[in-house]
């Protein structure tokens, strides 16, 4: 029964499997091939506790131990790229909705006087507030449209480079 380990651990086990049959590393690789990480850790702890500190077994255990602590990532690059694509679409929709909202406020201009209030201590004028709302929404849409779009495009470009390379690509 083959057990899946972290990529680094699998590489080390494969490397050790090429060692001579009677070597400690080959024996550890054979054991690891059919045991899970917890069982391998238990064996390594036993080796570290019982064998002499300068033995080949302890040296191999020290080499394999940190690789067992590595686990597979919680997310794949593809899943994260999908989330980034959704974020980019949401951002574009937010910009469009902001522009549409500004246009709706602008459509209130003919009725602006309905929202005027004239107390002497704090006058409010519908036309002025409509203009300010439209300007602020327009400013937000342009800022979100330019700088944030640029940053998301940079993130997309970097994220596209996060992927698993096969051995042929790595060696070329």
N, C-alpha and C. Protein backbone atom coordinates (compact mmCIF):
# COMPACT_ATOMS: atom_id res chain seq x y z
N UNK A 1 0.84 -1.18 0.00
CA UNK A 1 0.00 0.00 0.00
C UNK A 1 0.89 1.25 0.00
N UNK A 2 0.70 2.11 -0.99
CA UNK A 2 1.51 3.32 -1.08
C UNK A 2 0.81 4.44 -0.33
N UNK A 3 1.59 5.19 0.46
CA UNK A 3 1.04 6.29 1.24
C UNK A 3 1.58 7.60 0.64
N UNK A 4 0.73 8.61 0.57
CA UNK A 4 1.12 9.90 0.02
C UNK A 4 1.75 10.74 1.13
N UNK A 5 2.91 11.30 0.83
CA UNK A 5 3.61 12.19 1.77
C UNK A 5 3.76 13.56 1.12
N UNK A 6 4.31 14.50 1.86
CA UNK A 6 4.57 15.81 1.28
C UNK A 6 5.54 15.66 0.11
N UNK A 7 5.51 16.60 -0.85
CA UNK A 7 6.42 16.48 -2.01
C UNK A 7 7.89 16.36 -1.61
N UNK A 8 8.32 17.14 -0.63
CA UNK A 8 9.72 17.08 -0.20
C UNK A 8 10.05 15.71 0.41
N UNK A 9 9.13 15.18 1.18
CA UNK A 9 9.33 13.86 1.79
C UNK A 9 9.36 12.78 0.71
N UNK A 10 8.46 12.88 -0.26
CA UNK A 10 8.45 11.90 -1.36
C UNK A 10 9.77 11.91 -2.13
N UNK A 11 10.29 13.12 -2.38
CA UNK A 11 11.58 13.22 -3.10
C UNK A 11 12.70 12.52 -2.31
N UNK A 12 12.72 12.79 -1.00
CA UNK A 12 13.77 12.20 -0.16
C UNK A 12 13.64 10.68 -0.13
N UNK A 13 12.42 10.18 0.01
CA UNK A 13 12.20 8.72 0.05
C UNK A 13 12.63 8.10 -1.28
N UNK A 14 12.28 8.76 -2.39
CA UNK A 14 12.69 8.24 -3.71
C UNK A 14 14.20 8.23 -3.85
N UNK A 15 14.83 9.29 -3.36
CA UNK A 15 16.30 9.37 -3.40
C UNK A 15 16.91 8.23 -2.59
N UNK A 16 16.40 8.01 -1.40
CA UNK A 16 16.93 6.98 -0.52
C UNK A 16 16.65 5.57 -1.05
N UNK A 17 15.61 5.44 -1.83
CA UNK A 17 15.28 4.12 -2.35
C UNK A 17 16.34 3.63 -3.32
N UNK A 18 17.16 4.55 -3.83
CA UNK A 18 18.26 4.19 -4.71
C UNK A 18 19.51 3.76 -3.98
N UNK A 19 19.51 3.86 -2.66
CA UNK A 19 20.67 3.45 -1.84
C UNK A 19 20.80 1.92 -1.84
N UNK A 20 21.96 1.39 -1.44
CA UNK A 20 22.13 -0.07 -1.34
C UNK A 20 21.08 -0.69 -0.41
N UNK A 21 20.71 -1.93 -0.69
CA UNK A 21 19.63 -2.61 0.03
C UNK A 21 19.83 -2.70 1.54
N UNK A 22 21.04 -2.82 1.99
CA UNK A 22 21.27 -3.00 3.42
C UNK A 22 21.52 -1.68 4.15
N UNK A 23 21.39 -0.54 3.47
CA UNK A 23 21.66 0.75 4.11
C UNK A 23 20.48 1.20 4.96
N UNK A 24 20.77 2.03 5.95
CA UNK A 24 19.74 2.57 6.84
C UNK A 24 18.74 3.40 6.04
N UNK A 25 19.25 4.22 5.13
CA UNK A 25 18.36 5.09 4.35
C UNK A 25 17.40 4.27 3.49
N UNK A 26 17.90 3.20 2.86
CA UNK A 26 17.04 2.34 2.04
C UNK A 26 15.98 1.69 2.91
N UNK A 27 16.37 1.23 4.10
CA UNK A 27 15.40 0.62 5.01
C UNK A 27 14.33 1.61 5.46
N UNK A 28 14.76 2.85 5.75
CA UNK A 28 13.79 3.88 6.12
C UNK A 28 12.86 4.19 4.95
N UNK A 29 13.41 4.25 3.75
CA UNK A 29 12.59 4.52 2.56
C UNK A 29 11.57 3.40 2.35
N UNK A 30 11.99 2.16 2.55
CA UNK A 30 11.07 1.02 2.40
C UNK A 30 9.95 1.09 3.43
N UNK A 31 10.31 1.45 4.65
CA UNK A 31 9.31 1.59 5.71
C UNK A 31 8.34 2.73 5.37
N UNK A 32 8.90 3.86 4.94
CA UNK A 32 8.09 5.04 4.66
C UNK A 32 7.15 4.82 3.49
N UNK A 33 7.56 3.97 2.56
CA UNK A 33 6.76 3.71 1.38
C UNK A 33 5.37 3.18 1.74
N UNK A 34 5.30 2.40 2.80
CA UNK A 34 4.02 1.76 3.15
C UNK A 34 3.45 2.22 4.49
N UNK A 35 3.98 3.32 5.05
CA UNK A 35 3.46 3.81 6.32
C UNK A 35 3.13 5.30 6.22
N UNK A 36 2.21 5.73 7.06
CA UNK A 36 1.85 7.15 7.03
C UNK A 36 2.83 7.98 7.84
N UNK A 37 2.68 9.30 7.76
CA UNK A 37 3.63 10.21 8.41
C UNK A 37 3.69 10.00 9.93
N UNK A 38 2.57 9.73 10.55
CA UNK A 38 2.56 9.52 12.01
C UNK A 38 3.39 8.30 12.40
N UNK A 39 3.23 7.22 11.65
CA UNK A 39 3.98 6.00 11.93
C UNK A 39 5.47 6.22 11.69
N UNK A 40 5.80 6.97 10.65
CA UNK A 40 7.22 7.26 10.38
C UNK A 40 7.80 8.12 11.49
N UNK A 41 7.04 9.14 11.93
CA UNK A 41 7.52 10.00 13.03
C UNK A 41 7.78 9.16 14.28
N UNK A 42 6.88 8.22 14.58
CA UNK A 42 7.07 7.35 15.76
C UNK A 42 8.37 6.56 15.65
N UNK A 43 8.63 6.02 14.46
CA UNK A 43 9.88 5.27 14.26
C UNK A 43 11.09 6.20 14.42
N UNK A 44 11.02 7.40 13.83
CA UNK A 44 12.14 8.34 13.93
C UNK A 44 12.38 8.76 15.38
N UNK A 45 11.31 8.96 16.14
CA UNK A 45 11.47 9.31 17.56
C UNK A 45 12.16 8.17 18.31
N UNK A 46 11.80 6.95 17.98
CA UNK A 46 12.44 5.79 18.60
C UNK A 46 13.93 5.75 18.24
N UNK A 47 14.22 5.98 16.97
CA UNK A 47 15.64 6.00 16.53
C UNK A 47 16.40 7.09 17.26
N UNK A 48 15.82 8.29 17.30
CA UNK A 48 16.49 9.43 17.95
C UNK A 48 16.71 9.19 19.44
N UNK A 49 15.78 8.46 20.06
CA UNK A 49 15.90 8.21 21.50
C UNK A 49 16.84 7.04 21.82
N UNK A 50 16.85 6.00 20.99
CA UNK A 50 17.54 4.77 21.34
C UNK A 50 18.91 4.59 20.69
N UNK A 51 19.13 5.16 19.52
CA UNK A 51 20.39 4.92 18.79
C UNK A 51 21.46 5.92 19.23
N UNK A 52 22.72 5.57 19.04
CA UNK A 52 23.80 6.50 19.37
C UNK A 52 23.71 7.77 18.50
N UNK A 53 23.98 8.93 19.08
CA UNK A 53 23.82 10.20 18.35
C UNK A 53 24.64 10.30 17.07
N UNK A 54 25.74 9.58 16.96
CA UNK A 54 26.58 9.67 15.77
C UNK A 54 26.32 8.55 14.76
N UNK A 55 25.24 7.79 14.96
CA UNK A 55 24.94 6.67 14.07
C UNK A 55 24.32 7.16 12.75
N UNK A 56 24.41 6.30 11.74
CA UNK A 56 23.79 6.60 10.44
C UNK A 56 22.27 6.72 10.57
N UNK A 57 21.69 5.93 11.45
CA UNK A 57 20.23 5.95 11.63
C UNK A 57 19.78 7.30 12.18
N UNK A 58 20.51 7.83 13.17
CA UNK A 58 20.16 9.13 13.74
C UNK A 58 20.37 10.24 12.70
N UNK A 59 21.44 10.15 11.92
CA UNK A 59 21.69 11.14 10.87
C UNK A 59 20.55 11.12 9.85
N UNK A 60 20.10 9.94 9.47
CA UNK A 60 19.00 9.82 8.51
C UNK A 60 17.70 10.32 9.13
N UNK A 61 17.47 9.99 10.40
CA UNK A 61 16.26 10.46 11.09
C UNK A 61 16.22 11.98 11.16
N UNK A 62 17.36 12.58 11.45
CA UNK A 62 17.43 14.06 11.50
C UNK A 62 17.18 14.68 10.12
N UNK A 63 17.58 13.98 9.09
CA UNK A 63 17.39 14.48 7.73
C UNK A 63 15.92 14.37 7.30
N UNK A 64 15.27 13.28 7.70
CA UNK A 64 13.89 13.04 7.29
C UNK A 64 12.87 13.78 8.16
N UNK A 65 13.20 14.00 9.42
CA UNK A 65 12.26 14.59 10.38
C UNK A 65 11.62 15.90 9.89
N UNK A 66 12.39 16.91 9.46
CA UNK A 66 11.75 18.16 9.06
C UNK A 66 10.85 18.00 7.83
N UNK A 67 11.16 17.04 6.98
CA UNK A 67 10.35 16.83 5.79
C UNK A 67 8.98 16.25 6.14
N UNK A 68 8.89 15.54 7.24
CA UNK A 68 7.61 15.00 7.69
C UNK A 68 6.72 16.09 8.27
N UNK A 69 7.34 17.17 8.71
CA UNK A 69 6.55 18.25 9.28
C UNK A 69 5.88 19.09 8.20
N UNK A 70 6.38 18.96 6.97
CA UNK A 70 5.76 19.68 5.86
C UNK A 70 4.49 18.96 5.48
N UNK A 71 3.47 19.72 5.21
CA UNK A 71 2.23 19.09 4.75
C UNK A 71 1.82 19.73 3.44
N UNK A 72 0.88 19.12 2.79
CA UNK A 72 0.40 19.67 1.52
C UNK A 72 -0.27 21.01 1.79
N UNK A 73 -0.20 21.93 0.85
CA UNK A 73 -0.81 23.25 1.06
C UNK A 73 -2.33 23.14 1.22
N UNK A 74 -2.90 24.11 1.94
CA UNK A 74 -4.35 24.11 2.15
C UNK A 74 -5.11 24.41 0.87
N UNK A 75 -4.49 25.17 -0.02
CA UNK A 75 -5.14 25.58 -1.25
C UNK A 75 -4.23 25.29 -2.44
N UNK A 76 -4.82 25.06 -3.58
CA UNK A 76 -4.02 24.88 -4.79
C UNK A 76 -3.91 26.24 -5.49
N UNK A 77 -2.88 26.42 -6.30
CA UNK A 77 -2.79 27.67 -7.05
C UNK A 77 -4.01 27.93 -7.93
N UNK A 78 -4.60 26.86 -8.45
CA UNK A 78 -5.79 27.01 -9.29
C UNK A 78 -6.97 27.57 -8.50
N UNK A 79 -7.16 27.06 -7.27
CA UNK A 79 -8.25 27.57 -6.43
C UNK A 79 -8.05 29.05 -6.12
N UNK A 80 -6.82 29.41 -5.79
CA UNK A 80 -6.54 30.81 -5.46
C UNK A 80 -6.68 31.70 -6.69
N UNK A 81 -6.28 31.19 -7.86
CA UNK A 81 -6.44 31.97 -9.10
C UNK A 81 -7.92 32.18 -9.40
N UNK A 82 -8.73 31.17 -9.12
CA UNK A 82 -10.18 31.33 -9.30
C UNK A 82 -10.73 32.40 -8.37
N UNK A 83 -10.28 32.40 -7.11
CA UNK A 83 -10.72 33.44 -6.17
C UNK A 83 -10.28 34.83 -6.63
N UNK A 84 -9.07 34.92 -7.16
CA UNK A 84 -8.58 36.20 -7.67
C UNK A 84 -9.42 36.66 -8.86
N UNK A 85 -9.79 35.74 -9.74
CA UNK A 85 -10.63 36.08 -10.89
C UNK A 85 -11.99 36.60 -10.43
N UNK A 86 -12.56 35.98 -9.40
CA UNK A 86 -13.84 36.44 -8.85
C UNK A 86 -13.67 37.84 -8.26
N UNK A 87 -12.57 38.07 -7.55
CA UNK A 87 -12.30 39.39 -6.96
C UNK A 87 -12.18 40.45 -8.05
N UNK A 88 -11.51 40.12 -9.13
CA UNK A 88 -11.36 41.07 -10.24
C UNK A 88 -12.72 41.38 -10.86
N UNK A 89 -13.54 40.35 -11.07
CA UNK A 89 -14.89 40.58 -11.61
C UNK A 89 -15.71 41.42 -10.65
N UNK A 90 -15.63 41.12 -9.35
CA UNK A 90 -16.36 41.90 -8.35
C UNK A 90 -15.91 43.36 -8.36
N UNK A 91 -14.61 43.57 -8.52
CA UNK A 91 -14.08 44.93 -8.56
C UNK A 91 -14.64 45.68 -9.76
N UNK A 92 -14.64 45.04 -10.92
CA UNK A 92 -15.20 45.66 -12.12
C UNK A 92 -16.68 45.98 -11.94
N UNK A 93 -17.39 45.05 -11.32
CA UNK A 93 -18.81 45.29 -11.05
C UNK A 93 -19.00 46.46 -10.09
N UNK A 94 -18.14 46.56 -9.08
CA UNK A 94 -18.24 47.67 -8.13
C UNK A 94 -18.02 49.01 -8.85
N UNK A 95 -17.05 49.06 -9.75
CA UNK A 95 -16.80 50.29 -10.50
C UNK A 95 -18.02 50.64 -11.34
N UNK A 96 -18.57 49.65 -12.03
CA UNK A 96 -19.76 49.89 -12.87
C UNK A 96 -20.96 50.31 -12.02
N UNK A 97 -21.14 49.65 -10.88
CA UNK A 97 -22.27 50.03 -10.00
C UNK A 97 -22.10 51.44 -9.44
N UNK A 98 -20.84 51.82 -9.14
CA UNK A 98 -20.58 53.17 -8.63
C UNK A 98 -20.90 54.20 -9.71
N UNK A 99 -20.50 53.92 -10.95
CA UNK A 99 -20.80 54.83 -12.05
C UNK A 99 -22.31 54.92 -12.29
N UNK A 100 -22.99 53.79 -12.20
CA UNK A 100 -24.45 53.78 -12.38
C UNK A 100 -25.14 54.56 -11.26
N UNK A 101 -24.64 54.41 -10.03
CA UNK A 101 -25.22 55.15 -8.92
C UNK A 101 -25.01 56.64 -9.09
N UNK A 102 -23.84 57.05 -9.56
CA UNK A 102 -23.58 58.47 -9.83
C UNK A 102 -24.56 58.99 -10.88
N UNK A 103 -24.82 58.20 -11.90
CA UNK A 103 -25.77 58.61 -12.94
C UNK A 103 -27.19 58.74 -12.36
N UNK A 104 -27.55 57.86 -11.45
CA UNK A 104 -28.88 57.94 -10.81
C UNK A 104 -29.00 59.21 -9.98
N UNK A 105 -27.93 59.54 -9.24
CA UNK A 105 -27.96 60.80 -8.48
C UNK A 105 -28.06 62.00 -9.43
N UNK A 106 -27.32 61.93 -10.53
CA UNK A 106 -27.36 63.02 -11.50
C UNK A 106 -28.78 63.20 -12.04
N UNK A 107 -29.52 62.09 -12.17
CA UNK A 107 -30.89 62.17 -12.68
C UNK A 107 -31.84 62.88 -11.71
N UNK A 108 -31.42 63.08 -10.47
CA UNK A 108 -32.25 63.79 -9.49
C UNK A 108 -32.17 65.31 -9.63
N UNK A 109 -31.25 65.81 -10.44
CA UNK A 109 -31.03 67.26 -10.53
C UNK A 109 -32.30 68.08 -10.80
N UNK A 110 -33.18 67.65 -11.71
CA UNK A 110 -34.37 68.48 -11.95
C UNK A 110 -35.26 68.66 -10.71
N UNK A 111 -35.13 67.78 -9.75
CA UNK A 111 -35.96 67.84 -8.54
C UNK A 111 -35.13 68.26 -7.32
N UNK A 112 -33.96 68.78 -7.55
CA UNK A 112 -33.03 69.08 -6.46
C UNK A 112 -33.63 70.00 -5.41
N UNK A 113 -34.46 70.93 -5.81
CA UNK A 113 -35.01 71.89 -4.84
C UNK A 113 -35.92 71.20 -3.82
N UNK A 114 -36.43 69.99 -4.14
CA UNK A 114 -37.27 69.27 -3.18
C UNK A 114 -36.50 68.93 -1.91
N UNK A 115 -35.18 68.85 -2.02
CA UNK A 115 -34.38 68.42 -0.87
C UNK A 115 -33.63 69.59 -0.23
N UNK A 116 -34.05 70.79 -0.56
CA UNK A 116 -33.44 71.97 0.07
C UNK A 116 -34.01 72.15 1.47
N UNK A 117 -33.18 72.63 2.36
CA UNK A 117 -33.61 72.91 3.73
C UNK A 117 -32.93 74.23 4.11
N UNK A 118 -33.67 75.15 4.70
CA UNK A 118 -33.14 76.49 4.92
C UNK A 118 -33.03 76.93 6.37
N UNK A 119 -32.76 76.09 7.31
CA UNK A 119 -32.54 76.69 8.64
C UNK A 119 -31.23 77.49 8.58
N UNK A 120 -31.18 78.56 9.35
CA UNK A 120 -30.04 79.45 9.25
C UNK A 120 -28.75 78.86 9.80
N UNK A 121 -28.84 77.92 10.74
CA UNK A 121 -27.61 77.38 11.33
C UNK A 121 -26.94 76.31 10.46
N UNK A 122 -27.72 75.59 9.66
CA UNK A 122 -27.12 74.51 8.86
C UNK A 122 -27.93 74.31 7.58
N UNK A 123 -27.77 75.17 6.60
CA UNK A 123 -28.56 75.00 5.38
C UNK A 123 -28.07 73.81 4.56
N UNK A 124 -28.98 73.11 3.94
CA UNK A 124 -28.68 71.99 3.05
C UNK A 124 -29.35 72.29 1.72
N UNK A 125 -28.60 72.07 0.66
CA UNK A 125 -29.14 72.35 -0.67
C UNK A 125 -29.03 71.09 -1.52
N UNK A 126 -30.17 70.66 -2.04
CA UNK A 126 -30.22 69.43 -2.83
C UNK A 126 -29.27 69.44 -4.00
N UNK A 127 -29.23 70.55 -4.75
CA UNK A 127 -28.37 70.59 -5.94
C UNK A 127 -26.90 70.42 -5.58
N UNK A 128 -26.46 71.14 -4.53
CA UNK A 128 -25.07 71.05 -4.09
C UNK A 128 -24.74 69.63 -3.62
N UNK A 129 -25.62 69.04 -2.85
CA UNK A 129 -25.36 67.70 -2.32
C UNK A 129 -25.42 66.63 -3.42
N UNK A 130 -26.29 66.81 -4.39
CA UNK A 130 -26.31 65.89 -5.52
C UNK A 130 -25.00 66.00 -6.29
N UNK A 131 -24.56 67.24 -6.56
CA UNK A 131 -23.29 67.43 -7.26
C UNK A 131 -22.13 66.79 -6.50
N UNK A 132 -22.09 67.00 -5.18
CA UNK A 132 -21.01 66.43 -4.37
C UNK A 132 -21.05 64.90 -4.37
N UNK A 133 -22.25 64.35 -4.27
CA UNK A 133 -22.38 62.88 -4.29
C UNK A 133 -21.90 62.33 -5.62
N UNK A 134 -22.29 63.00 -6.72
CA UNK A 134 -21.87 62.54 -8.05
C UNK A 134 -20.35 62.66 -8.20
N UNK A 135 -19.78 63.79 -7.74
CA UNK A 135 -18.33 63.97 -7.84
C UNK A 135 -17.57 62.93 -7.00
N UNK A 136 -18.05 62.70 -5.79
CA UNK A 136 -17.37 61.73 -4.92
C UNK A 136 -17.47 60.31 -5.49
N UNK A 137 -18.64 59.95 -5.99
CA UNK A 137 -18.79 58.62 -6.60
C UNK A 137 -17.92 58.51 -7.86
N UNK A 138 -17.86 59.59 -8.63
CA UNK A 138 -17.01 59.58 -9.82
C UNK A 138 -15.53 59.47 -9.46
N UNK A 139 -15.13 60.18 -8.41
CA UNK A 139 -13.73 60.10 -7.95
C UNK A 139 -13.40 58.68 -7.50
N UNK A 140 -14.31 58.10 -6.72
CA UNK A 140 -14.09 56.74 -6.26
C UNK A 140 -13.98 55.78 -7.44
N UNK A 141 -14.90 55.90 -8.40
CA UNK A 141 -14.89 55.00 -9.56
C UNK A 141 -13.60 55.15 -10.36
N UNK A 142 -13.11 56.38 -10.50
CA UNK A 142 -11.87 56.55 -11.27
C UNK A 142 -10.67 56.03 -10.51
N UNK A 143 -10.63 56.27 -9.19
CA UNK A 143 -9.51 55.74 -8.39
C UNK A 143 -9.55 54.22 -8.37
N UNK A 144 -10.73 53.66 -8.13
CA UNK A 144 -10.87 52.21 -8.11
C UNK A 144 -10.61 51.65 -9.49
N UNK A 145 -10.98 52.40 -10.49
CA UNK A 145 -10.82 51.92 -11.86
C UNK A 145 -9.37 51.88 -12.30
N UNK A 146 -8.56 52.79 -11.82
CA UNK A 146 -7.19 52.87 -12.31
C UNK A 146 -6.21 52.14 -11.41
N UNK A 147 -5.96 52.68 -10.24
CA UNK A 147 -4.93 52.14 -9.36
C UNK A 147 -5.24 50.71 -8.94
N UNK A 148 -6.44 50.49 -8.46
CA UNK A 148 -6.78 49.15 -7.98
C UNK A 148 -6.79 48.13 -9.11
N UNK A 149 -7.27 48.54 -10.28
CA UNK A 149 -7.25 47.63 -11.44
C UNK A 149 -5.81 47.25 -11.78
N UNK A 150 -4.91 48.24 -11.71
CA UNK A 150 -3.49 47.99 -11.96
C UNK A 150 -2.92 46.98 -10.97
N UNK A 151 -3.23 47.19 -9.69
CA UNK A 151 -2.72 46.29 -8.65
C UNK A 151 -3.28 44.88 -8.82
N UNK A 152 -4.56 44.78 -9.15
CA UNK A 152 -5.14 43.45 -9.36
C UNK A 152 -4.52 42.78 -10.59
N UNK A 153 -4.22 43.54 -11.62
CA UNK A 153 -3.58 42.97 -12.81
C UNK A 153 -2.17 42.46 -12.46
N UNK A 154 -1.44 43.23 -11.62
CA UNK A 154 -0.12 42.77 -11.17
C UNK A 154 -0.25 41.48 -10.36
N UNK A 155 -1.25 41.44 -9.48
CA UNK A 155 -1.46 40.23 -8.68
C UNK A 155 -1.79 39.05 -9.58
N UNK A 156 -2.61 39.26 -10.60
CA UNK A 156 -2.96 38.19 -11.53
C UNK A 156 -1.73 37.68 -12.26
N UNK A 157 -0.86 38.61 -12.68
CA UNK A 157 0.35 38.23 -13.40
C UNK A 157 1.26 37.37 -12.51
N UNK A 158 1.42 37.78 -11.26
CA UNK A 158 2.25 36.99 -10.33
C UNK A 158 1.59 35.66 -10.02
N UNK A 159 0.28 35.67 -9.81
CA UNK A 159 -0.44 34.44 -9.46
C UNK A 159 -0.36 33.42 -10.58
N UNK A 160 -0.31 33.88 -11.83
CA UNK A 160 -0.23 32.95 -12.96
C UNK A 160 1.07 32.17 -12.94
N UNK A 161 2.08 32.69 -12.26
CA UNK A 161 3.37 32.02 -12.19
C UNK A 161 3.44 31.01 -11.04
N UNK A 162 2.43 30.99 -10.18
CA UNK A 162 2.40 30.04 -9.07
C UNK A 162 1.70 28.79 -9.56
N UNK A 163 2.51 27.80 -9.89
CA UNK A 163 1.96 26.55 -10.40
C UNK A 163 2.96 25.44 -10.16
N UNK A 164 2.52 24.23 -10.36
CA UNK A 164 3.38 23.07 -10.19
C UNK A 164 4.06 22.81 -11.53
N UNK A 165 5.38 22.72 -11.49
CA UNK A 165 6.15 22.45 -12.69
C UNK A 165 6.49 20.97 -12.75
N UNK A 166 6.36 20.38 -13.92
CA UNK A 166 6.76 18.98 -14.02
C UNK A 166 8.29 18.92 -14.16
N UNK A 167 8.83 17.73 -14.01
CA UNK A 167 10.28 17.56 -13.98
C UNK A 167 10.97 18.07 -15.25
N UNK A 168 10.33 17.93 -16.40
CA UNK A 168 10.93 18.38 -17.65
C UNK A 168 11.10 19.89 -17.65
N UNK A 169 10.10 20.62 -17.12
CA UNK A 169 10.21 22.08 -17.05
C UNK A 169 11.27 22.53 -16.06
N UNK A 170 11.39 21.83 -14.94
CA UNK A 170 12.34 22.19 -13.90
C UNK A 170 13.77 22.02 -14.41
N UNK A 171 14.03 20.94 -15.14
CA UNK A 171 15.38 20.65 -15.59
C UNK A 171 15.79 21.45 -16.80
N UNK A 172 14.85 22.05 -17.53
CA UNK A 172 15.22 22.81 -18.73
C UNK A 172 15.61 24.23 -18.41
